[in-house]
C-alpha cells in the first residue's frame, strides 16, 4: 500500500462509486497517511514475528489491496489513468505472486510464504474464489 499516498487510496471508493468488498480494505482505504503508515508498520512487526521475511510482508502489502479490490482498482485507473502503473489491478493469486517477484521482494525460495500469506488474507475475507486459477474459476 506504500505505492501511492493514503489520499489516493481514500479516493478509490468515492470516485468509482463502488463499495469495497473486504473489511480490511474498507478500514485501510480511509486512513490518513500517518494512520496508514502506523498500520502498515504494525503489520510488518506482527507478520515478521510470525516468521515471514520482511520483504514478503512488503510484497504482500503492495499486492493484497490490488487483488482484494481489483474491480474497484480497475474502475479507478480508468478514471485516473496516470496511476495505472502504480495501481494495476491484480486478478489472481498467481498475478499477486508475480508482482512480488517483479518488485524484487519475493525470491523463489519465498514464493510459498507469500502464497500462504495471501491465502490467509483471502480466506479471512471470505473471498476464497480468488484462490482459484482462471480456468478453474470459469469451469467450476
C-alpha atoms as a PDB file:
ATOM      1  CA  UNK A   1       0.000   0.000   0.000  1.00  0.00           C
ATOM      2  CA  UNK A   2       3.020   2.230   0.013  1.00  0.00           C
ATOM      3  CA  UNK A   3       2.987   2.607  -3.777  1.00  0.00           C
ATOM      4  CA  UNK A   4       0.638   5.609  -3.556  1.00  0.00           C
ATOM      5  CA  UNK A   5      -0.199   8.100  -0.772  1.00  0.00           C
ATOM      6  CA  UNK A   6      -3.121   7.489   1.555  1.00  0.00           C
ATOM      7  CA  UNK A   7      -5.068  10.260  -0.158  1.00  0.00           C
ATOM      8  CA  UNK A   8      -5.186   8.176  -3.346  1.00  0.00           C
ATOM      9  CA  UNK A   9      -6.458   5.089  -1.504  1.00  0.00           C
ATOM     10  CA  UNK A  10      -9.119   7.284   0.126  1.00  0.00           C
ATOM     11  CA  UNK A  11     -10.394   8.446  -3.275  1.00  0.00           C
ATOM     12  CA  UNK A  12     -10.930   4.980  -4.754  1.00  0.00           C
ATOM     13  CA  UNK A  13     -14.334   4.032  -3.290  1.00  0.00           C
ATOM     14  CA  UNK A  14     -15.701   7.548  -3.729  1.00  0.00           C
ATOM     15  CA  UNK A  15     -14.514   8.228  -7.251  1.00  0.00           C
ATOM     16  CA  UNK A  16     -15.707   4.919  -8.655  1.00  0.00           C
ATOM     17  CA  UNK A  17     -18.872   4.772  -6.560  1.00  0.00           C
ATOM     18  CA  UNK A  18     -18.119   1.193  -5.645  1.00  0.00           C
ATOM     19  CA  UNK A  19     -18.436  -0.487  -2.279  1.00  0.00           C
ATOM     20  CA  UNK A  20     -15.183  -2.128  -1.220  1.00  0.00           C
ATOM     21  CA  UNK A  21     -15.623  -5.860  -0.820  1.00  0.00           C
ATOM     22  CA  UNK A  22     -13.316  -6.558   2.127  1.00  0.00           C
ATOM     23  CA  UNK A  23     -13.281  -5.456   5.744  1.00  0.00           C
ATOM     24  CA  UNK A  24      -9.520  -4.955   5.593  1.00  0.00           C
ATOM     25  CA  UNK A  25      -9.616  -2.531   2.684  1.00  0.00           C
ATOM     26  CA  UNK A  26     -12.681  -0.688   3.971  1.00  0.00           C
ATOM     27  CA  UNK A  27     -10.613   0.042   7.087  1.00  0.00           C
ATOM     28  CA  UNK A  28      -7.295   0.781   5.366  1.00  0.00           C
ATOM     29  CA  UNK A  29      -8.589   2.881   2.454  1.00  0.00           C
ATOM     30  CA  UNK A  30      -9.991   5.588   4.758  1.00  0.00           C
ATOM     31  CA  UNK A  31      -6.846   6.159   6.832  1.00  0.00           C
ATOM     32  CA  UNK A  32      -4.800   9.328   6.826  1.00  0.00           C
ATOM     33  CA  UNK A  33      -1.143   8.979   5.859  1.00  0.00           C
ATOM     34  CA  UNK A  34       0.109   8.791   9.486  1.00  0.00           C
ATOM     35  CA  UNK A  35      -2.586   6.223  10.326  1.00  0.00           C
ATOM     36  CA  UNK A  36      -1.749   4.139   7.240  1.00  0.00           C
ATOM     37  CA  UNK A  37       1.986   4.279   7.933  1.00  0.00           C
ATOM     38  CA  UNK A  38       1.384   3.151  11.516  1.00  0.00           C
ATOM     39  CA  UNK A  39      -0.961   0.333  10.479  1.00  0.00           C
ATOM     40  CA  UNK A  40       1.482  -0.944   7.853  1.00  0.00           C
ATOM     41  CA  UNK A  41       4.395  -0.819  10.290  1.00  0.00           C
ATOM     42  CA  UNK A  42       2.366  -2.685  12.922  1.00  0.00           C
ATOM     43  CA  UNK A  43       1.540  -5.304  10.310  1.00  0.00           C
ATOM     44  CA  UNK A  44       5.240  -5.681   9.430  1.00  0.00           C
ATOM     45  CA  UNK A  45       6.104  -6.194  13.096  1.00  0.00           C
ATOM     46  CA  UNK A  46       3.289  -8.711  13.637  1.00  0.00           C
ATOM     47  CA  UNK A  47       3.966 -10.753  10.496  1.00  0.00           C
ATOM     48  CA  UNK A  48       7.746 -10.811  10.842  1.00  0.00           C
ATOM     49  CA  UNK A  49       7.248 -12.025  14.413  1.00  0.00           C
ATOM     50  CA  UNK A  50       5.224 -14.881  12.893  1.00  0.00           C
ATOM     51  CA  UNK A  51       8.239 -15.810  10.768  1.00  0.00           C
ATOM     52  CA  UNK A  52       7.529 -14.094   7.452  1.00  0.00           C
ATOM     53  CA  UNK A  53      10.527 -12.314   5.903  1.00  0.00           C
ATOM     54  CA  UNK A  54      10.132  -8.531   5.817  1.00  0.00           C
ATOM     55  CA  UNK A  55      10.384  -8.480   2.012  1.00  0.00           C
ATOM     56  CA  UNK A  56       7.499 -10.962   1.770  1.00  0.00           C
ATOM     57  CA  UNK A  57       5.420  -8.762   4.060  1.00  0.00           C
ATOM     58  CA  UNK A  58       6.258  -5.698   1.971  1.00  0.00           C
ATOM     59  CA  UNK A  59       5.269  -7.553  -1.215  1.00  0.00           C
ATOM     60  CA  UNK A  60       2.046  -8.651   0.491  1.00  0.00           C
ATOM     61  CA  UNK A  61       1.280  -5.050   1.429  1.00  0.00           C
ATOM     62  CA  UNK A  62       1.772  -3.980  -2.185  1.00  0.00           C
ATOM     63  CA  UNK A  63      -0.208  -6.812  -3.799  1.00  0.00           C
ATOM     64  CA  UNK A  64      -3.029  -7.539  -1.343  1.00  0.00           C
ATOM     65  CA  UNK A  65      -5.151  -4.410  -1.921  1.00  0.00           C
ATOM     66  CA  UNK A  66      -4.681  -4.739  -5.681  1.00  0.00           C
ATOM     67  CA  UNK A  67      -6.030  -8.291  -5.534  1.00  0.00           C
ATOM     68  CA  UNK A  68      -8.674  -7.881  -2.851  1.00  0.00           C
ATOM     69  CA  UNK A  69     -10.179  -4.837  -4.566  1.00  0.00           C
ATOM     70  CA  UNK A  70      -9.315  -5.486  -8.216  1.00  0.00           C
ATOM     71  CA  UNK A  71     -12.726  -4.369  -9.594  1.00  0.00           C
ATOM     72  CA  UNK A  72     -12.601  -1.043  -7.736  1.00  0.00           C
ATOM     73  CA  UNK A  73      -8.933  -0.522  -8.640  1.00  0.00           C
ATOM     74  CA  UNK A  74      -9.663  -1.214 -12.325  1.00  0.00           C
ATOM     75  CA  UNK A  75     -12.546   1.271 -12.331  1.00  0.00           C
ATOM     76  CA  UNK A  76     -10.387   3.851 -10.552  1.00  0.00           C
ATOM     77  CA  UNK A  77      -7.477   3.675 -13.008  1.00  0.00           C
ATOM     78  CA  UNK A  78      -9.949   4.029 -15.874  1.00  0.00           C
ATOM     79  CA  UNK A  79     -10.826   7.418 -14.386  1.00  0.00           C
ATOM     80  CA  UNK A  80      -7.276   8.287 -13.287  1.00  0.00           C
ATOM     81  CA  UNK A  81      -5.027   6.651 -15.912  1.00  0.00           C
ATOM     82  CA  UNK A  82      -1.913   8.448 -14.645  1.00  0.00           C
ATOM     83  CA  UNK A  83      -1.919   5.986 -11.719  1.00  0.00           C
ATOM     84  CA  UNK A  84      -2.206   2.844 -13.889  1.00  0.00           C
ATOM     85  CA  UNK A  85       1.444   1.898 -13.316  1.00  0.00           C
ATOM     86  CA  UNK A  86       1.236   2.169  -9.527  1.00  0.00           C
ATOM     87  CA  UNK A  87      -2.260   0.682  -9.186  1.00  0.00           C
ATOM     88  CA  UNK A  88      -2.512  -2.099 -11.705  1.00  0.00           C
ATOM     89  CA  UNK A  89      -5.350  -4.413 -10.606  1.00  0.00           C
ATOM     90  CA  UNK A  90      -4.280  -7.954  -9.785  1.00  0.00           C
ATOM     91  CA  UNK A  91      -6.930 -10.522 -10.709  1.00  0.00           C
ATOM     92  CA  UNK A  92      -5.439 -13.807  -9.440  1.00  0.00           C
ATOM     93  CA  UNK A  93      -3.233 -15.080  -6.662  1.00  0.00           C
ATOM     94  CA  UNK A  94      -0.615 -16.045  -9.240  1.00  0.00           C
ATOM     95  CA  UNK A  95      -0.542 -12.456 -10.536  1.00  0.00           C
ATOM     96  CA  UNK A  96      -0.029 -11.243  -6.958  1.00  0.00           C
ATOM     97  CA  UNK A  97       2.933 -13.597  -6.581  1.00  0.00           C
ATOM     98  CA  UNK A  98       4.397 -12.393  -9.872  1.00  0.00           C
ATOM     99  CA  UNK A  99       4.027  -8.800  -8.729  1.00  0.00           C
ATOM    100  CA  UNK A 100       6.030  -9.588  -5.597  1.00  0.00           C
ATOM    101  CA  UNK A 101       8.734 -11.124  -7.739  1.00  0.00           C
ATOM    102  CA  UNK A 102       8.739  -8.228 -10.236  1.00  0.00           C
ATOM    103  CA  UNK A 103       9.192  -5.804  -7.357  1.00  0.00           C
ATOM    104  CA  UNK A 104      12.281  -7.784  -6.385  1.00  0.00           C
ATOM    105  CA  UNK A 105      10.805  -8.554  -2.976  1.00  0.00           C
ATOM    106  CA  UNK A 106       9.893 -12.221  -3.334  1.00  0.00           C
ATOM    107  CA  UNK A 107      12.644 -14.596  -4.344  1.00  0.00           C
ATOM    108  CA  UNK A 108      11.775 -18.120  -5.496  1.00  0.00           C
ATOM    109  CA  UNK A 109      12.538 -19.503  -2.023  1.00  0.00           C
ATOM    110  CA  UNK A 110       9.849 -17.201  -0.545  1.00  0.00           C
ATOM    111  CA  UNK A 111       7.049 -17.769  -3.062  1.00  0.00           C
ATOM    112  CA  UNK A 112       5.355 -20.343  -0.840  1.00  0.00           C
ATOM    113  CA  UNK A 113       5.388 -17.958   2.140  1.00  0.00           C
ATOM    114  CA  UNK A 114       3.854 -15.204   0.016  1.00  0.00           C
ATOM    115  CA  UNK A 115       1.227 -17.649  -1.290  1.00  0.00           C
ATOM    116  CA  UNK A 116       0.422 -18.663   2.298  1.00  0.00           C
ATOM    117  CA  UNK A 117       0.124 -15.068   3.492  1.00  0.00           C
ATOM    118  CA  UNK A 118      -2.087 -14.054   0.559  1.00  0.00           C
ATOM    119  CA  UNK A 119      -4.193 -17.181   1.025  1.00  0.00           C
ATOM    120  CA  UNK A 120      -4.785 -16.347   4.687  1.00  0.00           C
ATOM    121  CA  UNK A 121      -5.890 -12.811   3.803  1.00  0.00           C
ATOM    122  CA  UNK A 122      -8.234 -14.071   1.113  1.00  0.00           C
ATOM    123  CA  UNK A 123      -9.708 -16.752   3.358  1.00  0.00           C
ATOM    124  CA  UNK A 124     -10.179 -14.282   6.231  1.00  0.00           C
ATOM    125  CA  UNK A 125     -12.254 -12.070   3.947  1.00  0.00           C
ATOM    126  CA  UNK A 126     -14.432 -14.932   2.724  1.00  0.00           C
ATOM    127  CA  UNK A 127     -13.446 -14.428  -0.885  1.00  0.00           C
ATOM    128  CA  UNK A 128     -11.741 -17.766  -1.459  1.00  0.00           C
ATOM    129  CA  UNK A 129     -12.767 -17.812  -5.100  1.00  0.00           C
ATOM    130  CA  UNK A 130      -9.717 -15.604  -5.674  1.00  0.00           C
ATOM    131  CA  UNK A 131      -7.583 -18.649  -4.923  1.00  0.00           C
ATOM    132  CA  UNK A 132      -8.900 -20.429  -7.996  1.00  0.00           C
ATOM    133  CA  UNK A 133      -6.980 -20.342 -11.222  1.00  0.00           C
ATOM    134  CA  UNK A 134      -8.794 -18.591 -14.094  1.00  0.00           C
ATOM    135  CA  UNK A 135      -9.509 -21.950 -15.752  1.00  0.00           C
ATOM    136  CA  UNK A 136     -10.923 -23.432 -12.557  1.00  0.00           C
ATOM    137  CA  UNK A 137     -12.957 -20.330 -11.818  1.00  0.00           C
ATOM    138  CA  UNK A 138     -14.687 -20.448 -15.194  1.00  0.00           C
ATOM    139  CA  UNK A 139     -15.242 -24.191 -15.414  1.00  0.00           C
ATOM    140  CA  UNK A 140     -16.189 -24.785 -11.771  1.00  0.00           C
END
